[in-house]
Amino acid sequence: MSPQNNEIPEASPQLQKEGDAYISALSHLLHSKETAGSVLEMMKSAGEDPIKSVPYTALNVNKQMEESARAKGKPPALEVLLAAFQFLVGDLVQIGNIAGLFNVETEEEIGAILKETLQTYIEEGIHNGTVDPVELQQKAEVFMDDDHKQLGLQAASMSGIPNEANQNTAMQAYGAQQKRAGMLKGGK
C-alpha cells in the first residue's frame, strides 16, 4: 500500500466514513489559515531532517486530533489512525518540500518516514496503554505484505511474543483494556 493511499483496506462503510471525517479534519488542521503557519513552525522546530521533523509533526498534529475526538466520546479506531498517519506523512512531506525544508521525492524515503512515525506512535501507545498490542497485530496485518509479516513474526519470536493471540495474551489485553477504561473514568 502506498503512503499516499489513505483508504482503509476492507473497511465497513461506517469505518470508511469515520476515516474520511478524521482525515478531513486533519487536512483542515494542516492547511487552514489559522493553523497552517503553526504546523510549518512545528516542523521547522524539529530540524531539517525529514525523518525527524515529519514524524514529530505528524504525531503532535494527530495527538491534538485524537484528544479532541476522545473528548467528544468518539475515539478513532486503530484502522482510522493507521490511515491517518499515511495521510499526515504524505501531506507533511509535500508541505516540507514546498517550503524548502527538505527534498523528499522517492517512495522509499516516504516509506522510511512513515515507518518511523508509526513505530514511534506504537511504542508510545503500548507504553502508555492507548494501543492494544493484540488488536494492533490483527489490524496492522492488512497493511503488510508477506515479507513484512514474516519479519514481524521473527521479531515477535525473538521477543517471546506468540505468533497468534493465545489465552495469556488475551488476558493481558483484557487487563490493559480494563485499566485504560478505569483511567478514562477517573479511576486508577
Protein backbone atom coordinates (compact mmCIF):
# COMPACT_ATOMS: atom_id res chain seq x y z
CA MET A 1 0.00 0.00 0.00
CA SER A 2 1.42 3.35 -0.99
CA PRO A 3 1.75 6.01 1.73
CA GLN A 4 -0.39 8.24 -0.49
CA ASN A 5 -3.33 5.80 -0.41
CA ASN A 6 -5.46 6.86 2.55
CA GLU A 7 -8.21 4.28 2.14
CA ILE A 8 -8.83 1.80 4.90
CA PRO A 9 -8.49 -1.74 3.50
CA GLU A 10 -11.63 -3.87 3.76
CA ALA A 11 -13.37 -1.18 5.80
CA SER A 12 -17.06 -1.18 6.50
CA PRO A 13 -18.93 1.84 5.14
CA GLN A 14 -19.19 3.21 8.69
CA LEU A 15 -15.46 2.81 9.33
CA GLN A 16 -14.65 4.37 5.94
CA LYS A 17 -16.94 7.31 6.79
CA GLU A 18 -15.21 7.71 10.17
CA GLY A 19 -11.82 7.59 8.46
CA ASP A 20 -12.81 10.14 5.83
CA ALA A 21 -14.09 12.53 8.51
CA TYR A 22 -10.93 12.13 10.62
CA ILE A 23 -8.62 12.70 7.65
CA SER A 24 -10.70 15.68 6.52
CA ALA A 25 -10.33 17.24 9.98
CA LEU A 26 -6.57 16.57 9.89
CA SER A 27 -6.38 18.22 6.48
CA HIS A 28 -8.13 21.26 7.89
CA LEU A 29 -5.59 21.41 10.72
CA LEU A 30 -2.69 21.24 8.26
CA HIS A 31 -3.99 23.71 5.70
CA SER A 32 -6.36 26.23 7.31
CA LYS A 33 -5.25 29.86 7.56
CA GLU A 34 -5.48 29.64 11.34
CA THR A 35 -3.20 26.63 11.81
CA ALA A 36 -1.01 26.14 8.70
CA GLY A 37 1.67 28.53 9.98
CA SER A 38 1.85 26.73 13.33
CA VAL A 39 2.21 23.37 11.59
CA LEU A 40 5.09 24.70 9.47
CA GLU A 41 6.77 26.22 12.54
CA MET A 42 6.38 22.91 14.38
CA MET A 43 8.08 21.12 11.52
CA LYS A 44 10.88 23.72 11.35
CA SER A 45 11.46 23.46 15.12
CA ALA A 46 12.13 19.72 14.77
CA GLY A 47 15.02 20.35 12.36
CA GLU A 48 15.82 19.87 8.70
CA ASP A 49 15.95 16.08 8.75
CA PRO A 50 12.58 14.86 7.45
CA ILE A 51 12.98 11.50 9.26
CA LYS A 52 12.72 13.54 12.47
CA SER A 53 10.63 16.60 11.60
CA VAL A 54 7.79 14.85 9.74
CA PRO A 55 7.14 12.17 12.40
CA TYR A 56 7.42 14.77 15.18
CA THR A 57 4.85 17.00 13.48
CA ALA A 58 2.57 14.13 12.43
CA LEU A 59 2.49 12.75 15.97
CA ASN A 60 1.73 16.14 17.50
CA VAL A 61 -0.99 17.02 14.99
CA ASN A 62 -2.59 13.59 15.41
CA LYS A 63 -2.37 13.86 19.20
CA GLN A 64 -4.42 17.07 19.08
CA MET A 65 -7.00 15.46 16.79
CA GLU A 66 -7.14 12.20 18.74
CA GLU A 67 -7.58 14.02 22.07
CA SER A 68 -10.36 16.12 20.56
CA ALA A 69 -12.13 13.01 19.25
CA ARG A 70 -11.78 11.23 22.61
CA ALA A 71 -13.13 14.28 24.45
CA LYS A 72 -16.24 14.08 22.24
CA GLY A 73 -16.63 10.41 23.16
CA LYS A 74 -15.64 9.22 19.68
CA PRO A 75 -12.14 7.74 19.89
CA PRO A 76 -10.85 6.84 16.42
CA ALA A 77 -10.49 3.18 15.50
CA LEU A 78 -6.98 1.85 15.06
CA GLU A 79 -7.57 1.38 11.31
CA VAL A 80 -8.51 5.05 11.07
CA LEU A 81 -5.34 6.08 12.87
CA LEU A 82 -3.15 3.95 10.60
CA ALA A 83 -4.73 5.52 7.50
CA ALA A 84 -4.47 8.97 9.11
CA PHE A 85 -0.73 8.61 9.58
CA GLN A 86 -0.34 7.72 5.90
CA PHE A 87 -2.21 10.91 5.03
CA LEU A 88 -0.26 13.02 7.53
CA VAL A 89 3.14 11.82 6.37
CA GLY A 90 2.27 12.37 2.70
CA ASP A 91 0.90 15.86 3.28
CA LEU A 92 3.68 16.92 5.64
CA VAL A 93 6.30 15.76 3.15
CA GLN A 94 4.62 17.92 0.50
CA ILE A 95 4.46 20.89 2.87
CA GLY A 96 8.14 20.49 3.79
CA ASN A 97 9.18 20.11 0.15
CA ILE A 98 7.22 23.21 -0.93
CA ALA A 99 8.59 25.24 2.00
CA GLY A 100 12.13 24.20 1.06
CA LEU A 101 12.79 22.48 4.39
CA PHE A 102 13.98 19.31 2.65
CA ASN A 103 13.62 17.43 -0.61
CA VAL A 104 11.89 14.06 -0.23
CA GLU A 105 10.98 12.52 -3.57
CA THR A 106 11.08 8.73 -3.52
CA GLU A 107 8.59 6.17 -2.24
CA GLU A 108 11.47 4.65 -0.23
CA GLU A 109 12.11 7.94 1.58
CA ILE A 110 8.41 8.44 2.30
CA GLY A 111 8.15 4.81 3.45
CA ALA A 112 11.05 5.28 5.88
CA ILE A 113 9.38 8.41 7.31
CA LEU A 114 6.05 6.60 7.64
CA LYS A 115 7.76 3.66 9.34
CA GLU A 116 9.46 5.98 11.84
CA THR A 117 6.16 7.76 12.53
CA LEU A 118 4.18 4.56 13.08
CA GLN A 119 6.93 2.95 15.15
CA THR A 120 7.07 5.95 17.49
CA TYR A 121 3.27 6.11 17.78
CA ILE A 122 3.01 2.39 18.51
CA GLU A 123 5.86 2.36 21.06
CA GLU A 124 4.38 5.32 22.91
CA GLY A 125 0.87 3.84 22.70
CA ILE A 126 1.92 0.47 24.07
CA HIS A 127 3.91 2.19 26.82
CA ASN A 128 1.03 4.44 27.92
CA GLY A 129 -1.70 1.83 27.32
CA THR A 130 -3.54 3.53 24.46
CA VAL A 131 -2.52 0.85 21.92
CA ASP A 132 -3.51 -2.77 22.48
CA PRO A 133 -0.69 -4.92 21.00
CA VAL A 134 -3.03 -7.83 20.17
CA GLU A 135 -5.50 -5.55 18.36
CA LEU A 136 -2.59 -3.82 16.65
CA GLN A 137 -1.24 -7.09 15.30
CA GLN A 138 -4.65 -8.10 13.96
CA LYS A 139 -5.42 -4.73 12.37
CA ALA A 140 -1.95 -3.96 11.01
CA GLU A 141 -1.63 -7.23 9.12
CA VAL A 142 -3.92 -5.94 6.36
CA PHE A 143 -1.30 -3.25 5.63
CA MET A 144 1.59 -5.71 5.37
CA ASP A 145 2.92 -7.74 2.50
CA ASP A 146 4.18 -11.28 3.15
CA ASP A 147 7.80 -10.16 3.69
CA HIS A 148 6.77 -7.67 6.39
CA LYS A 149 4.55 -10.25 8.08
CA GLN A 150 7.46 -12.70 8.18
CA LEU A 151 9.80 -10.06 9.63
CA GLY A 152 7.20 -9.25 12.28
CA LEU A 153 6.81 -12.91 13.21
CA GLN A 154 10.58 -13.29 13.51
CA ALA A 155 10.86 -10.19 15.70
CA ALA A 156 7.96 -11.37 17.88
CA SER A 157 9.52 -14.81 18.25
CA MET A 158 12.83 -13.30 19.35
CA SER A 159 10.94 -11.21 21.93
CA GLY A 160 8.95 -14.18 23.25
CA ILE A 161 5.66 -12.92 21.80
CA PRO A 162 3.48 -15.70 20.34
CA ASN A 163 2.63 -15.71 16.62
CA GLU A 164 -1.09 -15.61 17.38
CA ALA A 165 -3.04 -14.34 20.31
CA ASN A 166 -3.48 -17.03 22.96
CA GLN A 167 -5.25 -17.13 26.31
CA ASN A 168 -2.36 -15.36 28.05
CA THR A 169 -2.18 -12.52 25.51
CA ALA A 170 -5.97 -12.22 25.58
CA MET A 171 -5.94 -11.91 29.39
CA GLN A 172 -3.15 -9.32 29.23
CA ALA A 173 -5.07 -7.33 26.62
CA TYR A 174 -8.26 -7.54 28.69
CA GLY A 175 -6.41 -6.35 31.79
CA ALA A 176 -4.88 -3.44 29.90
CA GLN A 177 -8.29 -2.56 28.45
CA GLN A 178 -9.86 -2.57 31.92
CA LYS A 179 -7.02 -0.43 33.25
CA ARG A 180 -7.50 2.09 30.39
CA ALA A 181 -11.25 2.14 30.98
CA GLY A 182 -10.64 2.86 34.67
CA MET A 183 -8.23 5.67 33.82
CA LEU A 184 -10.70 7.22 31.39
CA LYS A 185 -13.41 7.18 34.07
CA GLY A 186 -11.07 8.82 36.57
CA GLY A 187 -10.01 5.65 38.33
CA LYS A 188 -6.51 4.39 38.95
